[in-house]
């Protein structure tokens, strides 16, 4: 991944956009050595969102399973 100072990103945004969208490069923009944000291809963003959605569904499924347990079983599992 290539790091770009924010001052350079400001001056060359269109070129950076082309590098990301056409060549699939992943860039991070920094200020004083600290990463502020990343420029990534849309395909990478869509994949990340699908992964997050899948993780959210997994959490919901577990929560649903926990909620469907009888109260006596929950108390026993908690040692109450």
PDB file of N, CA and C in Angstrom:
ATOM      1  N   UNK A   1       0.857  -1.172   0.000  1.00  0.00           N
ATOM      2  CA  UNK A   1       0.000   0.000   0.000  1.00  0.00           C
ATOM      3  C   UNK A   1       0.906   1.239   0.000  1.00  0.00           C
ATOM      4  N   UNK A   2       0.518   2.214  -0.763  1.00  0.00           N
ATOM      5  CA  UNK A   2       1.324   3.423  -0.929  1.00  0.00           C
ATOM      6  C   UNK A   2       0.762   4.529  -0.051  1.00  0.00           C
ATOM      7  N   UNK A   3       1.648   5.221   0.656  1.00  0.00           N
ATOM      8  CA  UNK A   3       1.244   6.337   1.514  1.00  0.00           C
ATOM      9  C   UNK A   3       1.496   7.652   0.782  1.00  0.00           C
ATOM     10  N   UNK A   4       0.498   8.522   0.831  1.00  0.00           N
ATOM     11  CA  UNK A   4       0.561   9.826   0.160  1.00  0.00           C
ATOM     12  C   UNK A   4       0.305  10.909   1.207  1.00  0.00           C
ATOM     13  N   UNK A   5       1.148  11.952   1.244  1.00  0.00           N
ATOM     14  CA  UNK A   5       0.851  13.070   2.151  1.00  0.00           C
ATOM     15  C   UNK A   5      -0.434  13.780   1.705  1.00  0.00           C
ATOM     16  N   UNK A   6      -1.183  14.293   2.662  1.00  0.00           N
ATOM     17  CA  UNK A   6      -2.462  14.920   2.335  1.00  0.00           C
ATOM     18  C   UNK A   6      -2.287  16.112   1.406  1.00  0.00           C
ATOM     19  N   UNK A   7      -1.180  16.828   1.534  1.00  0.00           N
ATOM     20  CA  UNK A   7      -0.947  17.971   0.643  1.00  0.00           C
ATOM     21  C   UNK A   7      -0.839  17.509  -0.806  1.00  0.00           C
ATOM     22  N   UNK A   8      -0.169  16.392  -1.015  1.00  0.00           N
ATOM     23  CA  UNK A   8      -0.058  15.837  -2.372  1.00  0.00           C
ATOM     24  C   UNK A   8      -1.411  15.306  -2.847  1.00  0.00           C
ATOM     25  N   UNK A   9      -2.164  14.671  -1.968  1.00  0.00           N
ATOM     26  CA  UNK A   9      -3.483  14.145  -2.330  1.00  0.00           C
ATOM     27  C   UNK A   9      -4.402  15.272  -2.780  1.00  0.00           C
ATOM     28  N   UNK A  10      -4.332  16.403  -2.074  1.00  0.00           N
ATOM     29  CA  UNK A  10      -5.148  17.564  -2.426  1.00  0.00           C
ATOM     30  C   UNK A  10      -4.830  18.045  -3.842  1.00  0.00           C
ATOM     31  N   UNK A  11      -3.560  18.092  -4.169  1.00  0.00           N
ATOM     32  CA  UNK A  11      -3.129  18.609  -5.460  1.00  0.00           C
ATOM     33  C   UNK A  11      -3.381  17.632  -6.609  1.00  0.00           C
ATOM     34  N   UNK A  12      -3.412  16.343  -6.309  1.00  0.00           N
ATOM     35  CA  UNK A  12      -3.465  15.332  -7.372  1.00  0.00           C
ATOM     36  C   UNK A  12      -4.646  14.374  -7.219  1.00  0.00           C
ATOM     37  N   UNK A  13      -5.744  14.852  -6.695  1.00  0.00           N
ATOM     38  CA  UNK A  13      -6.882  13.973  -6.420  1.00  0.00           C
ATOM     39  C   UNK A  13      -7.362  13.242  -7.674  1.00  0.00           C
ATOM     40  N   UNK A  14      -7.490  13.929  -8.785  1.00  0.00           N
ATOM     41  CA  UNK A  14      -7.971  13.276 -10.010  1.00  0.00           C
ATOM     42  C   UNK A  14      -7.023  12.158 -10.433  1.00  0.00           C
ATOM     43  N   UNK A  15      -5.713  12.415 -10.375  1.00  0.00           N
ATOM     44  CA  UNK A  15      -4.738  11.387 -10.741  1.00  0.00           C
ATOM     45  C   UNK A  15      -4.796  10.203  -9.782  1.00  0.00           C
ATOM     46  N   UNK A  16      -4.930  10.490  -8.497  1.00  0.00           N
ATOM     47  CA  UNK A  16      -5.024   9.412  -7.515  1.00  0.00           C
ATOM     48  C   UNK A  16      -6.291   8.589  -7.739  1.00  0.00           C
ATOM     49  N   UNK A  17      -7.379   9.270  -8.064  1.00  0.00           N
ATOM     50  CA  UNK A  17      -8.619   8.566  -8.372  1.00  0.00           C
ATOM     51  C   UNK A  17      -8.453   7.618  -9.544  1.00  0.00           C
ATOM     52  N   UNK A  18      -7.735   8.044 -10.553  1.00  0.00           N
ATOM     53  CA  UNK A  18      -7.467   7.175 -11.707  1.00  0.00           C
ATOM     54  C   UNK A  18      -6.608   5.980 -11.314  1.00  0.00           C
ATOM     55  N   UNK A  19      -5.601   6.213 -10.496  1.00  0.00           N
ATOM     56  CA  UNK A  19      -4.740   5.116 -10.058  1.00  0.00           C
ATOM     57  C   UNK A  19      -5.548   4.067  -9.302  1.00  0.00           C
ATOM     58  N   UNK A  20      -6.460   4.536  -8.484  1.00  0.00           N
ATOM     59  CA  UNK A  20      -7.270   3.621  -7.683  1.00  0.00           C
ATOM     60  C   UNK A  20      -8.292   2.903  -8.561  1.00  0.00           C
ATOM     61  N   UNK A  21      -9.032   3.661  -9.352  1.00  0.00           N
ATOM     62  CA  UNK A  21     -10.127   3.057 -10.115  1.00  0.00           C
ATOM     63  C   UNK A  21      -9.652   2.253 -11.322  1.00  0.00           C
ATOM     64  N   UNK A  22      -8.633   2.718 -12.006  1.00  0.00           N
ATOM     65  CA  UNK A  22      -8.197   2.039 -13.229  1.00  0.00           C
ATOM     66  C   UNK A  22      -7.143   0.966 -12.992  1.00  0.00           C
ATOM     67  N   UNK A  23      -6.258   1.215 -12.043  1.00  0.00           N
ATOM     68  CA  UNK A  23      -5.176   0.263 -11.793  1.00  0.00           C
ATOM     69  C   UNK A  23      -5.400  -0.593 -10.548  1.00  0.00           C
ATOM     70  N   UNK A  24      -6.423  -0.262  -9.775  1.00  0.00           N
ATOM     71  CA  UNK A  24      -6.716  -1.052  -8.583  1.00  0.00           C
ATOM     72  C   UNK A  24      -5.761  -0.817  -7.432  1.00  0.00           C
ATOM     73  N   UNK A  25      -5.027   0.308  -7.462  1.00  0.00           N
ATOM     74  CA  UNK A  25      -4.103   0.595  -6.366  1.00  0.00           C
ATOM     75  C   UNK A  25      -4.877   0.932  -5.102  1.00  0.00           C
ATOM     76  N   UNK A  26      -4.247   0.661  -3.979  1.00  0.00           N
ATOM     77  CA  UNK A  26      -4.783   1.043  -2.671  1.00  0.00           C
ATOM     78  C   UNK A  26      -3.819   2.066  -2.085  1.00  0.00           C
ATOM     79  N   UNK A  27      -4.360   3.207  -1.722  1.00  0.00           N
ATOM     80  CA  UNK A  27      -3.534   4.291  -1.214  1.00  0.00           C
ATOM     81  C   UNK A  27      -4.021   4.732   0.158  1.00  0.00           C
ATOM     82  N   UNK A  28      -3.091   5.122   1.013  1.00  0.00           N
ATOM     83  CA  UNK A  28      -3.469   5.745   2.275  1.00  0.00           C
ATOM     84  C   UNK A  28      -2.978   7.181   2.261  1.00  0.00           C
ATOM     85  N   UNK A  29      -3.783   8.054   2.827  1.00  0.00           N
ATOM     86  CA  UNK A  29      -3.436   9.471   2.889  1.00  0.00           C
ATOM     87  C   UNK A  29      -3.061   9.786   4.322  1.00  0.00           C
ATOM     88  N   UNK A  30      -1.896  10.437   4.468  1.00  0.00           N
ATOM     89  CA  UNK A  30      -1.344  10.717   5.790  1.00  0.00           C
ATOM     90  C   UNK A  30      -1.205  12.205   6.045  1.00  0.00           C
ATOM     91  N   UNK A  31      -1.233  12.547   7.323  1.00  0.00           N
ATOM     92  CA  UNK A  31      -0.867  13.889   7.773  1.00  0.00           C
ATOM     93  C   UNK A  31       0.097  13.700   8.935  1.00  0.00           C
ATOM     94  N   UNK A  32       1.290  14.259   8.796  1.00  0.00           N
ATOM     95  CA  UNK A  32       2.349  14.148   9.802  1.00  0.00           C
ATOM     96  C   UNK A  32       2.621  12.705  10.201  1.00  0.00           C
ATOM     97  N   UNK A  33       2.604  11.821   9.202  1.00  0.00           N
ATOM     98  CA  UNK A  33       2.912  10.415   9.437  1.00  0.00           C
ATOM     99  C   UNK A  33       1.770   9.583   9.981  1.00  0.00           C
ATOM    100  N   UNK A  34       0.612  10.199  10.223  1.00  0.00           N
ATOM    101  CA  UNK A  34      -0.543   9.464  10.736  1.00  0.00           C
ATOM    102  C   UNK A  34      -1.533   9.231   9.596  1.00  0.00           C
ATOM    103  N   UNK A  35      -1.964   7.979   9.444  1.00  0.00           N
ATOM    104  CA  UNK A  35      -2.912   7.645   8.381  1.00  0.00           C
ATOM    105  C   UNK A  35      -4.274   8.233   8.709  1.00  0.00           C
ATOM    106  N   UNK A  36      -4.829   8.997   7.747  1.00  0.00           N
ATOM    107  CA  UNK A  36      -6.138   9.627   7.920  1.00  0.00           C
ATOM    108  C   UNK A  36      -7.254   8.817   7.279  1.00  0.00           C
ATOM    109  N   UNK A  37      -7.012   8.353   6.067  1.00  0.00           N
ATOM    110  CA  UNK A  37      -8.016   7.583   5.345  1.00  0.00           C
ATOM    111  C   UNK A  37      -7.348   6.845   4.198  1.00  0.00           C
ATOM    112  N   UNK A  38      -8.137   5.972   3.571  1.00  0.00           N
ATOM    113  CA  UNK A  38      -7.626   5.181   2.454  1.00  0.00           C
ATOM    114  C   UNK A  38      -8.468   5.431   1.214  1.00  0.00           C
ATOM    115  N   UNK A  39      -7.825   5.322   0.090  1.00  0.00           N
ATOM    116  CA  UNK A  39      -8.506   5.334  -1.202  1.00  0.00           C
ATOM    117  C   UNK A  39      -8.382   3.919  -1.750  1.00  0.00           C
ATOM    118  N   UNK A  40      -9.525   3.282  -1.976  1.00  0.00           N
ATOM    119  CA  UNK A  40      -9.526   1.900  -2.453  1.00  0.00           C
ATOM    120  C   UNK A  40     -10.510   1.770  -3.608  1.00  0.00           C
ATOM    121  N   UNK A  41     -10.305   0.791  -4.463  1.00  0.00           N
ATOM    122  CA  UNK A  41     -11.260   0.557  -5.548  1.00  0.00           C
ATOM    123  C   UNK A  41     -12.649   0.232  -4.985  1.00  0.00           C
ATOM    124  N   UNK A  42     -13.660   0.566  -5.748  1.00  0.00           N
ATOM    125  CA  UNK A  42     -15.040   0.320  -5.329  1.00  0.00           C
ATOM    126  C   UNK A  42     -15.250  -1.168  -5.054  1.00  0.00           C
ATOM    127  N   UNK A  43     -14.628  -2.034  -5.837  1.00  0.00           N
ATOM    128  CA  UNK A  43     -14.774  -3.472  -5.633  1.00  0.00           C
ATOM    129  C   UNK A  43     -14.301  -3.886  -4.240  1.00  0.00           C
ATOM    130  N   UNK A  44     -13.217  -3.276  -3.764  1.00  0.00           N
ATOM    131  CA  UNK A  44     -12.725  -3.574  -2.419  1.00  0.00           C
ATOM    132  C   UNK A  44     -13.735  -3.118  -1.362  1.00  0.00           C
ATOM    133  N   UNK A  45     -14.289  -1.938  -1.562  1.00  0.00           N
ATOM    134  CA  UNK A  45     -15.288  -1.417  -0.632  1.00  0.00           C
ATOM    135  C   UNK A  45     -16.517  -2.314  -0.597  1.00  0.00           C
ATOM    136  N   UNK A  46     -16.988  -2.742  -1.761  1.00  0.00           N
ATOM    137  CA  UNK A  46     -18.164  -3.615  -1.818  1.00  0.00           C
ATOM    138  C   UNK A  46     -17.895  -4.944  -1.115  1.00  0.00           C
ATOM    139  N   UNK A  47     -16.699  -5.490  -1.295  1.00  0.00           N
ATOM    140  CA  UNK A  47     -16.336  -6.727  -0.616  1.00  0.00           C
ATOM    141  C   UNK A  47     -16.328  -6.532   0.896  1.00  0.00           C
ATOM    142  N   UNK A  48     -15.734  -5.438   1.341  1.00  0.00           N
ATOM    143  CA  UNK A  48     -15.696  -5.135   2.774  1.00  0.00           C
ATOM    144  C   UNK A  48     -17.106  -5.028   3.344  1.00  0.00           C
ATOM    145  N   UNK A  49     -17.992  -4.375   2.625  1.00  0.00           N
ATOM    146  CA  UNK A  49     -19.372  -4.231   3.094  1.00  0.00           C
ATOM    147  C   UNK A  49     -20.087  -5.582   3.143  1.00  0.00           C
ATOM    148  N   UNK A  50     -19.824  -6.452   2.174  1.00  0.00           N
ATOM    149  CA  UNK A  50     -20.435  -7.788   2.203  1.00  0.00           C
ATOM    150  C   UNK A  50     -19.924  -8.593   3.398  1.00  0.00           C
ATOM    151  N   UNK A  51     -18.633  -8.472   3.682  1.00  0.00           N
ATOM    152  CA  UNK A  51     -18.055  -9.166   4.841  1.00  0.00           C
ATOM    153  C   UNK A  51     -18.685  -8.645   6.128  1.00  0.00           C
ATOM    154  N   UNK A  52     -18.809  -7.332   6.250  1.00  0.00           N
ATOM    155  CA  UNK A  52     -19.430  -6.754   7.445  1.00  0.00           C
ATOM    156  C   UNK A  52     -20.879  -7.215   7.586  1.00  0.00           C
ATOM    157  N   UNK A  53     -21.611  -7.261   6.481  1.00  0.00           N
ATOM    158  CA  UNK A  53     -22.999  -7.735   6.525  1.00  0.00           C
ATOM    159  C   UNK A  53     -23.055  -9.179   7.010  1.00  0.00           C
ATOM    160  N   UNK A  54     -22.152 -10.013   6.505  1.00  0.00           N
ATOM    161  CA  UNK A  54     -22.118 -11.419   6.913  1.00  0.00           C
ATOM    162  C   UNK A  54     -21.822 -11.529   8.413  1.00  0.00           C
ATOM    163  N   UNK A  55     -20.866 -10.754   8.908  1.00  0.00           N
ATOM    164  CA  UNK A  55     -20.547 -10.783  10.334  1.00  0.00           C
ATOM    165  C   UNK A  55     -21.737 -10.319  11.173  1.00  0.00           C
ATOM    166  N   UNK A  56     -22.428  -9.283  10.712  1.00  0.00           N
ATOM    167  CA  UNK A  56     -23.615  -8.805  11.422  1.00  0.00           C
ATOM    168  C   UNK A  56     -24.684  -9.895  11.490  1.00  0.00           C
ATOM    169  N   UNK A  57     -24.887 -10.613  10.390  1.00  0.00           N
ATOM    170  CA  UNK A  57     -25.869 -11.699  10.378  1.00  0.00           C
ATOM    171  C   UNK A  57     -25.475 -12.813  11.340  1.00  0.00           C
ATOM    172  N   UNK A  58     -24.181 -13.122  11.385  1.00  0.00           N
ATOM    173  CA  UNK A  58     -23.715 -14.160  12.313  1.00  0.00           C
ATOM    174  C   UNK A  58     -23.998 -13.758  13.756  1.00  0.00           C
ATOM    175  N   UNK A  59     -23.749 -12.496  14.090  1.00  0.00           N
ATOM    176  CA  UNK A  59     -24.010 -12.002  15.447  1.00  0.00           C
ATOM    177  C   UNK A  59     -25.502 -12.081  15.754  1.00  0.00           C
ATOM    178  N   UNK A  60     -26.337 -11.699  14.799  1.00  0.00           N
ATOM    179  CA  UNK A  60     -27.789 -11.771  15.005  1.00  0.00           C
ATOM    180  C   UNK A  60     -28.261 -13.205  15.202  1.00  0.00           C
ATOM    181  N   UNK A  61     -27.701 -14.127  14.438  1.00  0.00           N
ATOM    182  CA  UNK A  61     -28.096 -15.534  14.578  1.00  0.00           C
ATOM    183  C   UNK A  61     -27.737 -16.058  15.969  1.00  0.00           C
ATOM    184  N   UNK A  62     -26.554 -15.732  16.443  1.00  0.00           N
ATOM    185  CA  UNK A  62     -26.138 -16.167  17.776  1.00  0.00           C
ATOM    186  C   UNK A  62     -27.048 -15.553  18.829  1.00  0.00           C
ATOM    187  N   UNK A  63     -27.336 -14.267  18.696  1.00  0.00           N
ATOM    188  CA  UNK A  63     -28.210 -13.589  19.659  1.00  0.00           C
ATOM    189  C   UNK A  63     -29.598 -14.206  19.651  1.00  0.00           C
ATOM    190  N   UNK A  64     -30.090 -14.551  18.473  1.00  0.00           N
ATOM    191  CA  UNK A  64     -31.412 -15.172  18.373  1.00  0.00           C
ATOM    192  C   UNK A  64     -31.406 -16.530  19.061  1.00  0.00           C
ATOM    193  N   UNK A  65     -30.347 -17.313  18.836  1.00  0.00           N
ATOM    194  CA  UNK A  65     -30.241 -18.622  19.481  1.00  0.00           C
ATOM    195  C   UNK A  65     -30.184 -18.482  20.995  1.00  0.00           C
ATOM    196  N   UNK A  66     -29.437 -17.497  21.479  1.00  0.00           N
ATOM    197  CA  UNK A  66     -29.343 -17.267  22.918  1.00  0.00           C
ATOM    198  C   UNK A  66     -30.693 -16.847  23.483  1.00  0.00           C
ATOM    199  N   UNK A  67     -31.414 -16.022  22.749  1.00  0.00           N
ATOM    200  CA  UNK A  67     -32.698 -15.517  23.228  1.00  0.00           C
ATOM    201  C   UNK A  67     -33.750 -16.617  23.274  1.00  0.00           C
ATOM    202  N   UNK A  68     -33.574 -17.669  22.477  1.00  0.00           N
ATOM    203  CA  UNK A  68     -34.586 -18.718  22.437  1.00  0.00           C
ATOM    204  C   UNK A  68     -34.369 -19.795  23.498  1.00  0.00           C
ATOM    205  N   UNK A  69     -33.280 -19.702  24.274  1.00  0.00           N
ATOM    206  CA  UNK A  69     -33.040 -20.681  25.331  1.00  0.00           C
ATOM    207  C   UNK A  69     -34.007 -20.442  26.486  1.00  0.00           C
ATOM    208  N   UNK A  70     -34.466 -21.523  27.123  1.00  0.00           N
ATOM    209  CA  UNK A  70     -35.331 -21.352  28.293  1.00  0.00           C
ATOM    210  C   UNK A  70     -34.573 -20.639  29.415  1.00  0.00           C
ATOM    211  N   UNK A  71     -35.300 -19.848  30.193  1.00  0.00           N
ATOM    212  CA  UNK A  71     -34.704 -19.043  31.263  1.00  0.00           C
ATOM    213  C   UNK A  71     -33.941 -19.917  32.252  1.00  0.00           C
ATOM    214  N   UNK A  72     -34.455 -21.078  32.570  1.00  0.00           N
ATOM    215  CA  UNK A  72     -33.785 -21.970  33.521  1.00  0.00           C
ATOM    216  C   UNK A  72     -32.410 -22.385  32.989  1.00  0.00           C
ATOM    217  N   UNK A  73     -32.326 -22.630  31.692  1.00  0.00           N
ATOM    218  CA  UNK A  73     -31.052 -23.011  31.074  1.00  0.00           C
ATOM    219  C   UNK A  73     -30.055 -21.848  31.109  1.00  0.00           C
ATOM    220  N   UNK A  74     -30.544 -20.650  30.862  1.00  0.00           N
ATOM    221  CA  UNK A  74     -29.677 -19.459  30.906  1.00  0.00           C
ATOM    222  C   UNK A  74     -29.142 -19.268  32.320  1.00  0.00           C
ATOM    223  N   UNK A  75     -30.018 -19.357  33.318  1.00  0.00           N
ATOM    224  CA  UNK A  75     -29.576 -19.189  34.715  1.00  0.00           C
ATOM    225  C   UNK A  75     -28.533 -20.236  35.081  1.00  0.00           C
ATOM    226  N   UNK A  76     -28.745 -21.476  34.653  1.00  0.00           N
ATOM    227  CA  UNK A  76     -27.807 -22.536  34.957  1.00  0.00           C
ATOM    228  C   UNK A  76     -26.443 -22.255  34.315  1.00  0.00           C
ATOM    229  N   UNK A  77     -26.460 -21.812  33.054  1.00  0.00           N
ATOM    230  CA  UNK A  77     -25.205 -21.514  32.353  1.00  0.00           C
ATOM    231  C   UNK A  77     -24.452 -20.371  33.017  1.00  0.00           C
ATOM    232  N   UNK A  78     -25.194 -19.443  33.623  1.00  0.00           N
ATOM    233  CA  UNK A  78     -24.563 -18.309  34.310  1.00  0.00           C
ATOM    234  C   UNK A  78     -24.213 -18.620  35.763  1.00  0.00           C
ATOM    235  N   UNK A  79     -24.594 -19.791  36.212  1.00  0.00           N
ATOM    236  CA  UNK A  79     -24.310 -20.180  37.587  1.00  0.00           C
ATOM    237  C   UNK A  79     -25.208 -19.468  38.596  1.00  0.00           C
ATOM    238  N   UNK A  80     -26.409 -19.158  38.203  1.00  0.00           N
ATOM    239  CA  UNK A  80     -27.361 -18.467  39.090  1.00  0.00           C
ATOM    240  C   UNK A  80     -28.329 -19.449  39.730  1.00  0.00           C
TER     241      UNK A  80
END
